[in-house]
Amino acid sequence: MKCPGQDMKYWKADAIFNAHCPQCSAPVEFYKDDTSRKCSHCGHRFVNPKMDFGCASYCQYAEQCLGTLPEEFSGAQDTFLKEKVAIEMKKFYQTDFKSIRRAMATARFAEDISKTEGGNPAIVLCAAYLYDTGPTAATAILKRLGTGEQMIEEICALMDPEESIRGAESLPKKILHDALALRQLQESLREDPDDSATKLQTGLKVLSTNTAKDIATSFAA
């Protein structure tokens, strides 16, 4: 028997819809049963924000039912969370495009650092996207997305400045700290390029990871 949720004869008018790319905000057309789509504007592939993968996390026939699942699904459902959080972050800020750009920049730096330094990119990126929303709004967003309590606690702990001080040696905290510092350094250099060499040297002193230092150095190129 075919899953009714995937059978087109049960589909309604909203079965085909547009979703905004988390990276560039361009509209991307999705069919209800698409697990992911690639943005034609920037090439970023992201998960269908309206698809519920809950059954796929335990069903042995998930791949036959849903088709070829995105590669990152093989690890855990948590890896989809960062894409949904990016979308919810944009909904939270609505037309506050400056805050959206800042959150996107922080997440981009966090992802670049995580690729080299390791850690749990899903948790770090969620914290990066939601950092400026505050703990109350971040918790509400994560609960609305069905995030587990333990993961919510881990994400909010990364966002807590006092926790960051006490756990300064934690790799996820270092990555988030460096991502925020890189964002601030980049903004400072763009707003006032004068004396950029001094600003860069000052910025390098507060960075913890070698990857972040390499990224900061590239700002002077």
Protein backbone atom coordinates (compact mmCIF):
# COMPACT_ATOMS: atom_id res chain seq x y z
CA MET A 1 0.00 0.00 0.00
CA LYS A 2 1.34 3.43 -0.92
CA CYS A 3 1.65 5.99 1.87
CA PRO A 4 -1.35 8.39 1.46
CA GLY A 5 0.91 11.33 2.20
CA GLN A 6 2.97 10.52 -0.89
CA ASP A 7 0.08 9.55 -3.20
CA MET A 8 -0.65 12.44 -5.61
CA LYS A 9 -4.36 11.65 -5.79
CA TYR A 10 -4.68 12.83 -2.18
CA TRP A 11 -2.78 16.06 -2.80
CA LYS A 12 -4.38 19.47 -2.40
CA ALA A 13 -3.69 22.81 -4.07
CA ASP A 14 -0.78 23.59 -1.76
CA ALA A 15 1.11 20.42 -2.76
CA ILE A 16 3.34 22.57 -5.02
CA PHE A 17 4.82 25.64 -3.35
CA ASN A 18 7.80 27.97 -3.26
CA ALA A 19 10.34 28.06 -0.43
CA HIS A 20 13.10 30.62 -0.01
CA CYS A 21 16.67 29.36 -0.23
CA PRO A 22 18.36 29.66 3.21
CA GLN A 23 21.55 30.90 1.54
CA CYS A 24 20.40 33.51 -1.01
CA SER A 25 16.63 33.86 -0.38
CA ALA A 26 15.76 33.06 -4.01
CA PRO A 27 12.42 31.22 -4.47
CA VAL A 28 12.72 27.48 -5.11
CA GLU A 29 9.75 25.41 -6.28
CA PHE A 30 9.01 22.29 -4.25
CA TYR A 31 6.62 19.40 -4.77
CA LYS A 32 5.14 18.07 -1.56
CA ASP A 33 7.12 14.81 -1.78
CA ASP A 34 10.48 16.38 -2.68
CA THR A 35 12.98 15.60 0.06
CA SER A 36 15.29 18.40 -1.09
CA ARG A 37 15.85 20.76 -4.01
CA LYS A 38 18.82 22.67 -5.37
CA CYS A 39 18.54 26.43 -5.70
CA SER A 40 18.98 27.44 -9.34
CA HIS A 41 20.33 30.80 -8.26
CA CYS A 42 23.21 29.84 -5.91
CA GLY A 43 23.35 26.04 -6.20
CA HIS A 44 22.66 25.37 -2.50
CA ARG A 45 20.67 22.19 -1.85
CA PHE A 46 18.31 22.31 1.11
CA VAL A 47 15.64 20.18 2.70
CA ASN A 48 11.93 20.57 1.98
CA PRO A 49 10.83 22.86 4.87
CA LYS A 50 7.29 21.44 4.88
CA MET A 51 8.18 17.77 4.82
CA ASP A 52 7.84 15.68 7.96
CA PHE A 53 10.65 13.13 8.07
CA GLY A 54 9.49 11.67 11.37
CA CYS A 55 8.40 8.31 9.95
CA ALA A 56 11.58 8.06 7.89
CA SER A 57 13.67 8.05 11.04
CA TYR A 58 12.44 4.57 11.94
CA CYS A 59 10.65 3.06 8.92
CA GLN A 60 12.65 0.38 7.06
CA TYR A 61 10.87 1.30 3.82
CA ALA A 62 11.64 5.02 4.08
CA GLU A 63 13.88 5.15 1.01
CA GLN A 64 11.38 3.29 -1.18
CA CYS A 65 8.60 5.56 0.03
CA LEU A 66 10.39 8.90 -0.15
CA GLY A 67 12.85 8.16 -2.92
CA THR A 68 16.57 8.77 -2.56
CA LEU A 69 17.02 10.61 0.70
CA PRO A 70 19.53 13.43 0.98
CA GLU A 71 22.99 12.19 1.95
CA GLU A 72 22.97 14.03 5.26
CA PHE A 73 19.84 12.14 6.38
CA SER A 74 21.93 9.01 6.84
CA GLY A 75 23.44 10.51 10.00
CA ALA A 76 20.38 11.82 11.83
CA GLN A 77 17.31 13.97 11.42
CA ASP A 78 19.08 16.71 13.37
CA THR A 79 21.06 17.69 10.28
CA PHE A 80 17.86 18.95 8.66
CA LEU A 81 17.15 21.20 11.59
CA LYS A 82 19.59 23.94 10.61
CA GLU A 83 17.77 24.47 7.29
CA LYS A 84 14.42 24.81 9.02
CA VAL A 85 15.91 27.11 11.64
CA ALA A 86 17.26 29.38 8.89
CA ILE A 87 13.77 29.70 7.45
CA GLU A 88 12.20 30.34 10.87
CA MET A 89 14.85 32.95 11.62
CA LYS A 90 13.84 34.87 8.50
CA LYS A 91 10.18 34.66 9.51
CA PHE A 92 11.10 36.01 12.95
CA TYR A 93 12.90 39.06 11.52
CA GLN A 94 10.42 39.56 8.66
CA THR A 95 11.60 42.78 6.91
CA ASP A 96 14.56 43.40 9.22
CA PHE A 97 17.00 42.52 6.47
CA LYS A 98 20.04 43.78 8.38
CA SER A 99 19.43 41.26 11.16
CA ILE A 100 18.86 38.52 8.59
CA ARG A 101 22.16 39.33 6.87
CA ARG A 102 23.98 39.33 10.20
CA ALA A 103 22.54 35.94 11.18
CA MET A 104 23.34 34.48 7.77
CA ALA A 105 26.91 35.78 7.98
CA THR A 106 27.40 34.27 11.43
CA ALA A 107 26.05 30.92 10.25
CA ARG A 108 28.21 30.98 7.13
CA PHE A 109 31.36 31.58 9.17
CA ALA A 110 30.34 28.91 11.69
CA GLU A 111 29.81 26.39 8.88
CA ASP A 112 33.16 27.22 7.26
CA ILE A 113 34.98 26.79 10.58
CA SER A 114 33.12 23.56 11.43
CA LYS A 115 34.11 21.98 8.13
CA THR A 116 37.75 22.12 9.18
CA GLU A 117 37.66 22.10 12.97
CA GLY A 118 34.91 19.48 13.41
CA GLY A 119 32.20 19.55 16.08
CA ASN A 120 28.45 19.23 15.63
CA PRO A 121 27.53 21.60 12.77
CA ALA A 122 23.79 21.25 13.32
CA ILE A 123 23.96 22.55 16.88
CA VAL A 124 26.52 25.26 16.11
CA LEU A 125 24.65 26.54 13.05
CA CYS A 126 21.32 26.63 14.88
CA ALA A 127 22.95 28.67 17.63
CA ALA A 128 24.51 30.97 15.02
CA TYR A 129 21.21 31.57 13.21
CA LEU A 130 19.32 32.26 16.45
CA TYR A 131 22.00 34.02 18.50
CA ASP A 132 20.59 37.54 18.12
CA THR A 133 16.95 36.51 18.62
CA GLY A 134 17.53 35.84 22.31
CA PRO A 135 16.98 32.66 24.36
CA THR A 136 13.21 33.03 24.74
CA ALA A 137 12.53 33.42 21.01
CA ALA A 138 15.13 30.77 20.13
CA THR A 139 13.54 28.24 22.48
CA ALA A 140 10.08 28.94 21.06
CA ILE A 141 11.33 28.48 17.49
CA LEU A 142 13.11 25.23 18.30
CA LYS A 143 10.10 23.81 20.13
CA ARG A 144 7.84 24.75 17.23
CA LEU A 145 10.12 22.72 14.97
CA GLY A 146 9.84 19.70 17.27
CA THR A 147 13.44 19.83 18.48
CA GLY A 148 14.32 17.49 21.35
CA GLU A 149 14.76 18.99 24.80
CA GLN A 150 18.42 17.96 25.05
CA MET A 151 19.30 19.59 21.76
CA ILE A 152 17.43 22.77 22.75
CA GLU A 153 19.48 22.89 25.95
CA GLU A 154 22.74 22.44 24.02
CA ILE A 155 21.87 25.16 21.52
CA CYS A 156 20.74 27.63 24.18
CA ALA A 157 23.85 26.89 26.27
CA LEU A 158 26.00 27.93 23.30
CA MET A 159 24.03 31.17 23.03
CA ASP A 160 24.47 32.01 26.73
CA PRO A 161 27.43 34.43 27.19
CA GLU A 162 28.04 33.24 30.76
CA GLU A 163 28.06 29.60 29.64
CA SER A 164 30.49 30.56 26.89
CA ILE A 165 32.88 31.99 29.46
CA ARG A 166 32.69 28.96 31.74
CA GLY A 167 33.06 26.53 28.82
CA ALA A 168 35.61 28.46 26.84
CA GLU A 169 37.52 25.29 25.95
CA SER A 170 34.49 23.65 24.31
CA LEU A 171 34.95 23.36 20.54
CA PRO A 172 31.34 24.36 19.69
CA LYS A 173 31.69 27.46 21.88
CA LYS A 174 34.97 28.34 20.21
CA ILE A 175 33.40 27.99 16.76
CA LEU A 176 30.39 30.15 17.62
CA HIS A 177 32.60 32.74 19.34
CA ASP A 178 34.88 32.91 16.31
CA ALA A 179 31.95 33.13 13.90
CA LEU A 180 30.53 36.10 15.81
CA ALA A 181 33.96 37.73 16.00
CA LEU A 182 34.48 37.30 12.25
CA ARG A 183 31.11 38.85 11.55
CA GLN A 184 31.95 41.86 13.73
CA LEU A 185 35.39 42.22 12.15
CA GLN A 186 33.99 42.05 8.64
CA GLU A 187 31.32 44.65 9.47
CA SER A 188 33.93 46.95 11.00
CA LEU A 189 36.18 46.72 7.95
CA ARG A 190 33.28 47.43 5.59
CA GLU A 191 31.95 50.38 7.55
CA ASP A 192 35.36 51.99 8.03
CA PRO A 193 38.19 50.54 5.92
CA ASP A 194 40.69 53.05 7.31
CA ASP A 195 43.43 51.50 9.44
CA SER A 196 42.29 48.02 8.38
CA ALA A 197 45.67 46.52 9.28
CA THR A 198 45.28 47.52 12.94
CA LYS A 199 41.69 46.26 13.04
CA LEU A 200 42.77 42.96 11.54
CA GLN A 201 45.58 42.48 14.06
CA THR A 202 43.20 43.27 16.91
CA GLY A 203 40.61 40.88 15.50
CA LEU A 204 43.11 38.05 15.15
CA LYS A 205 43.95 38.22 18.86
CA VAL A 206 40.42 37.25 19.93
CA LEU A 207 40.04 34.28 17.57
CA SER A 208 40.50 30.75 18.96
CA THR A 209 40.69 28.51 15.88
CA ASN A 210 43.25 28.47 13.09
CA THR A 211 40.48 28.28 10.50
CA ALA A 212 38.90 31.50 11.77
CA LYS A 213 42.31 33.21 11.71
CA ASP A 214 42.78 32.15 8.08
CA ILE A 215 39.35 33.54 7.20
CA ALA A 216 40.12 36.83 8.96
CA THR A 217 43.42 37.12 7.09
CA SER A 218 41.53 36.70 3.81
CA PHE A 219 39.59 39.89 4.58
CA ALA A 220 42.73 41.88 3.82
CA ALA A 221 43.13 40.30 0.38
